[in-house]
Amino acid sequence: MTCGYGVRGGRAPLVEVSLIGYRDAAVAAERVALTVAGAQEDGDRVSRQRVGGYDGALLADRQDTSLVLAADRRTLVVTLRRGAVPPTAERSALGEIAVAVLDRLATAAPA
């Protein structure tokens, strides 16, 4: 499932949240590892960020910054387009959005 916020005039959304389910946690973790490796190969800046008890990675390129993580058998990707928030606030904004999604998942019915 992917939701975009701040979509105007056919442009990319200011914020995009994707939640993808896999058959088990190992597959979800492998998917994140492949995404991080691909970003590194593309020359993106990659740094680690722990969110809600899960190890994640920040992937930054010229257009946007994304937080990717595996949460049990799901992956969560939160992307902010450059300019959505000040550059110094990107890390915390991505973390806050991710925590809100993870909190909601914790209270939702099992998938």
C-alpha atoms as a PDB file:
ATOM      1  CA  MET A   1       0.000   0.000   0.000  1.00  0.00           C
ATOM      2  CA  THR A   2       1.333   3.435  -0.916  1.00  0.00           C
ATOM      3  CA  CYS A   3      -0.134   6.784   0.070  1.00  0.00           C
ATOM      4  CA  GLY A   4       1.039  10.154  -1.199  1.00  0.00           C
ATOM      5  CA  TYR A   5       0.418  13.480   0.505  1.00  0.00           C
ATOM      6  CA  GLY A   6       0.811  16.948  -0.957  1.00  0.00           C
ATOM      7  CA  VAL A   7       0.224  15.878  -4.560  1.00  0.00           C
ATOM      8  CA  ARG A   8      -0.266  18.902  -6.823  1.00  0.00           C
ATOM      9  CA  GLY A   9      -0.320  19.357 -10.551  1.00  0.00           C
ATOM     10  CA  GLY A  10       0.987  15.895 -11.409  1.00  0.00           C
ATOM     11  CA  ARG A  11       4.184  16.403  -9.398  1.00  0.00           C
ATOM     12  CA  ALA A  12       5.606  13.841  -7.003  1.00  0.00           C
ATOM     13  CA  PRO A  13       4.017  13.977  -3.531  1.00  0.00           C
ATOM     14  CA  LEU A  14       5.710  15.912  -0.740  1.00  0.00           C
ATOM     15  CA  VAL A  15       5.427  12.827   1.475  1.00  0.00           C
ATOM     16  CA  GLU A  16       4.946   9.228   0.417  1.00  0.00           C
ATOM     17  CA  VAL A  17       4.447   6.273   2.761  1.00  0.00           C
ATOM     18  CA  SER A  18       4.650   2.676   1.517  1.00  0.00           C
ATOM     19  CA  LEU A  19       3.919  -0.392   3.592  1.00  0.00           C
ATOM     20  CA  ILE A  20       4.574  -3.740   1.943  1.00  0.00           C
ATOM     21  CA  GLY A  21       3.856  -7.174   3.413  1.00  0.00           C
ATOM     22  CA  TYR A  22       6.012 -10.253   2.816  1.00  0.00           C
ATOM     23  CA  ARG A  23       5.630 -13.909   3.777  1.00  0.00           C
ATOM     24  CA  ASP A  24       8.055 -13.587   6.719  1.00  0.00           C
ATOM     25  CA  ALA A  25      10.485 -11.252   8.498  1.00  0.00           C
ATOM     26  CA  ALA A  26      13.535 -12.692   6.753  1.00  0.00           C
ATOM     27  CA  VAL A  27      12.180 -11.783   3.315  1.00  0.00           C
ATOM     28  CA  ALA A  28      11.284  -8.269   4.494  1.00  0.00           C
ATOM     29  CA  ALA A  29      14.788  -7.764   5.938  1.00  0.00           C
ATOM     30  CA  GLU A  30      16.362  -9.032   2.709  1.00  0.00           C
ATOM     31  CA  ARG A  31      14.268  -6.582   0.693  1.00  0.00           C
ATOM     32  CA  VAL A  32      15.502  -3.668   2.827  1.00  0.00           C
ATOM     33  CA  ALA A  33      19.109  -4.847   2.494  1.00  0.00           C
ATOM     34  CA  LEU A  34      18.738  -4.972  -1.305  1.00  0.00           C
ATOM     35  CA  THR A  35      17.193  -1.495  -1.361  1.00  0.00           C
ATOM     36  CA  VAL A  36      20.041  -0.071   0.743  1.00  0.00           C
ATOM     37  CA  ALA A  37      22.669  -1.792  -1.413  1.00  0.00           C
ATOM     38  CA  GLY A  38      21.044  -0.423  -4.563  1.00  0.00           C
ATOM     39  CA  ALA A  39      20.993   3.090  -3.152  1.00  0.00           C
ATOM     40  CA  GLN A  40      24.681   2.840  -2.268  1.00  0.00           C
ATOM     41  CA  GLU A  41      25.480   1.621  -5.785  1.00  0.00           C
ATOM     42  CA  ASP A  42      23.568   4.610  -7.187  1.00  0.00           C
ATOM     43  CA  GLY A  43      25.691   6.986  -5.105  1.00  0.00           C
ATOM     44  CA  ASP A  44      22.994   7.987  -2.631  1.00  0.00           C
ATOM     45  CA  ARG A  45      24.021   9.048   0.870  1.00  0.00           C
ATOM     46  CA  VAL A  46      23.161   6.218   3.247  1.00  0.00           C
ATOM     47  CA  SER A  47      23.092   6.424   7.035  1.00  0.00           C
ATOM     48  CA  ARG A  48      21.568   4.317   9.785  1.00  0.00           C
ATOM     49  CA  GLN A  49      18.579   5.363  11.870  1.00  0.00           C
ATOM     50  CA  ARG A  50      16.837   3.348  14.575  1.00  0.00           C
ATOM     51  CA  VAL A  51      13.086   3.954  14.685  1.00  0.00           C
ATOM     52  CA  GLY A  52      10.534   2.433  17.032  1.00  0.00           C
ATOM     53  CA  GLY A  53      12.848  -0.416  17.983  1.00  0.00           C
ATOM     54  CA  TYR A  54      13.737  -1.253  14.378  1.00  0.00           C
ATOM     55  CA  ASP A  55      17.001  -0.625  12.526  1.00  0.00           C
ATOM     56  CA  GLY A  56      16.423   1.520   9.478  1.00  0.00           C
ATOM     57  CA  ALA A  57      18.406   3.392   6.866  1.00  0.00           C
ATOM     58  CA  LEU A  58      18.156   6.910   5.501  1.00  0.00           C
ATOM     59  CA  LEU A  59      18.700   7.115   1.745  1.00  0.00           C
ATOM     60  CA  ALA A  60      19.274  10.605   0.362  1.00  0.00           C
ATOM     61  CA  ASP A  61      19.609  11.753  -3.228  1.00  0.00           C
ATOM     62  CA  ARG A  62      19.030  15.097  -4.952  1.00  0.00           C
ATOM     63  CA  GLN A  63      15.248  14.778  -5.127  1.00  0.00           C
ATOM     64  CA  ASP A  64      14.300  13.252  -1.783  1.00  0.00           C
ATOM     65  CA  THR A  65      15.241  11.461   1.411  1.00  0.00           C
ATOM     66  CA  SER A  66      13.726   8.117   2.376  1.00  0.00           C
ATOM     67  CA  LEU A  67      13.669   6.077   5.548  1.00  0.00           C
ATOM     68  CA  VAL A  68      13.459   2.329   4.918  1.00  0.00           C
ATOM     69  CA  LEU A  69      13.093  -0.395   7.523  1.00  0.00           C
ATOM     70  CA  ALA A  70      11.815  -3.899   8.072  1.00  0.00           C
ATOM     71  CA  ALA A  71       9.208  -4.254  10.811  1.00  0.00           C
ATOM     72  CA  ASP A  72       8.579  -7.939  11.293  1.00  0.00           C
ATOM     73  CA  ARG A  73       7.176  -9.225   7.978  1.00  0.00           C
ATOM     74  CA  ARG A  74       6.602  -5.768   6.513  1.00  0.00           C
ATOM     75  CA  THR A  75       8.781  -3.075   5.025  1.00  0.00           C
ATOM     76  CA  LEU A  76       8.070   0.571   5.631  1.00  0.00           C
ATOM     77  CA  VAL A  77       9.351   3.317   3.346  1.00  0.00           C
ATOM     78  CA  VAL A  78       8.720   6.981   4.140  1.00  0.00           C
ATOM     79  CA  THR A  79       9.928   9.495   1.557  1.00  0.00           C
ATOM     80  CA  LEU A  80      10.125  13.279   1.837  1.00  0.00           C
ATOM     81  CA  ARG A  81      10.633  15.357  -1.268  1.00  0.00           C
ATOM     82  CA  ARG A  82      13.342  18.007  -0.894  1.00  0.00           C
ATOM     83  CA  GLY A  83      11.804  21.210   0.426  1.00  0.00           C
ATOM     84  CA  ALA A  84       8.907  19.519   2.251  1.00  0.00           C
ATOM     85  CA  VAL A  85      10.680  20.391   5.512  1.00  0.00           C
ATOM     86  CA  PRO A  86      13.963  22.192   6.197  1.00  0.00           C
ATOM     87  CA  PRO A  87      16.980  19.921   5.530  1.00  0.00           C
ATOM     88  CA  THR A  88      17.879  19.855   9.219  1.00  0.00           C
ATOM     89  CA  ALA A  89      14.408  18.501  10.045  1.00  0.00           C
ATOM     90  CA  GLU A  90      14.309  15.638   7.503  1.00  0.00           C
ATOM     91  CA  ARG A  91      15.698  12.949   9.818  1.00  0.00           C
ATOM     92  CA  SER A  92      13.313  13.746  12.663  1.00  0.00           C
ATOM     93  CA  ALA A  93      10.286  14.215  10.375  1.00  0.00           C
ATOM     94  CA  LEU A  94      10.879  10.858   8.705  1.00  0.00           C
ATOM     95  CA  GLY A  95      11.298   9.210  12.108  1.00  0.00           C
ATOM     96  CA  GLU A  96       8.109  10.754  13.486  1.00  0.00           C
ATOM     97  CA  ILE A  97       6.059   9.646  10.489  1.00  0.00           C
ATOM     98  CA  ALA A  98       7.503   6.129  10.695  1.00  0.00           C
ATOM     99  CA  VAL A  99       6.765   5.885  14.430  1.00  0.00           C
ATOM    100  CA  ALA A 100       3.165   6.964  13.797  1.00  0.00           C
ATOM    101  CA  VAL A 101       2.747   4.204  11.191  1.00  0.00           C
ATOM    102  CA  LEU A 102       4.423   1.606  13.420  1.00  0.00           C
ATOM    103  CA  ASP A 103       2.234   2.611  16.383  1.00  0.00           C
ATOM    104  CA  ARG A 104      -0.863   2.231  14.223  1.00  0.00           C
ATOM    105  CA  LEU A 105       0.278  -1.197  13.056  1.00  0.00           C
ATOM    106  CA  ALA A 106       0.737  -2.270  16.674  1.00  0.00           C
ATOM    107  CA  THR A 107      -2.893  -1.468  17.464  1.00  0.00           C
ATOM    108  CA  ALA A 108      -4.393  -2.755  14.190  1.00  0.00           C
ATOM    109  CA  ALA A 109      -5.823  -6.202  13.675  1.00  0.00           C
ATOM    110  CA  PRO A 110      -3.237  -8.794  12.540  1.00  0.00           C
ATOM    111  CA  ALA A 111      -2.677  -8.950   8.786  1.00  0.00           C
END
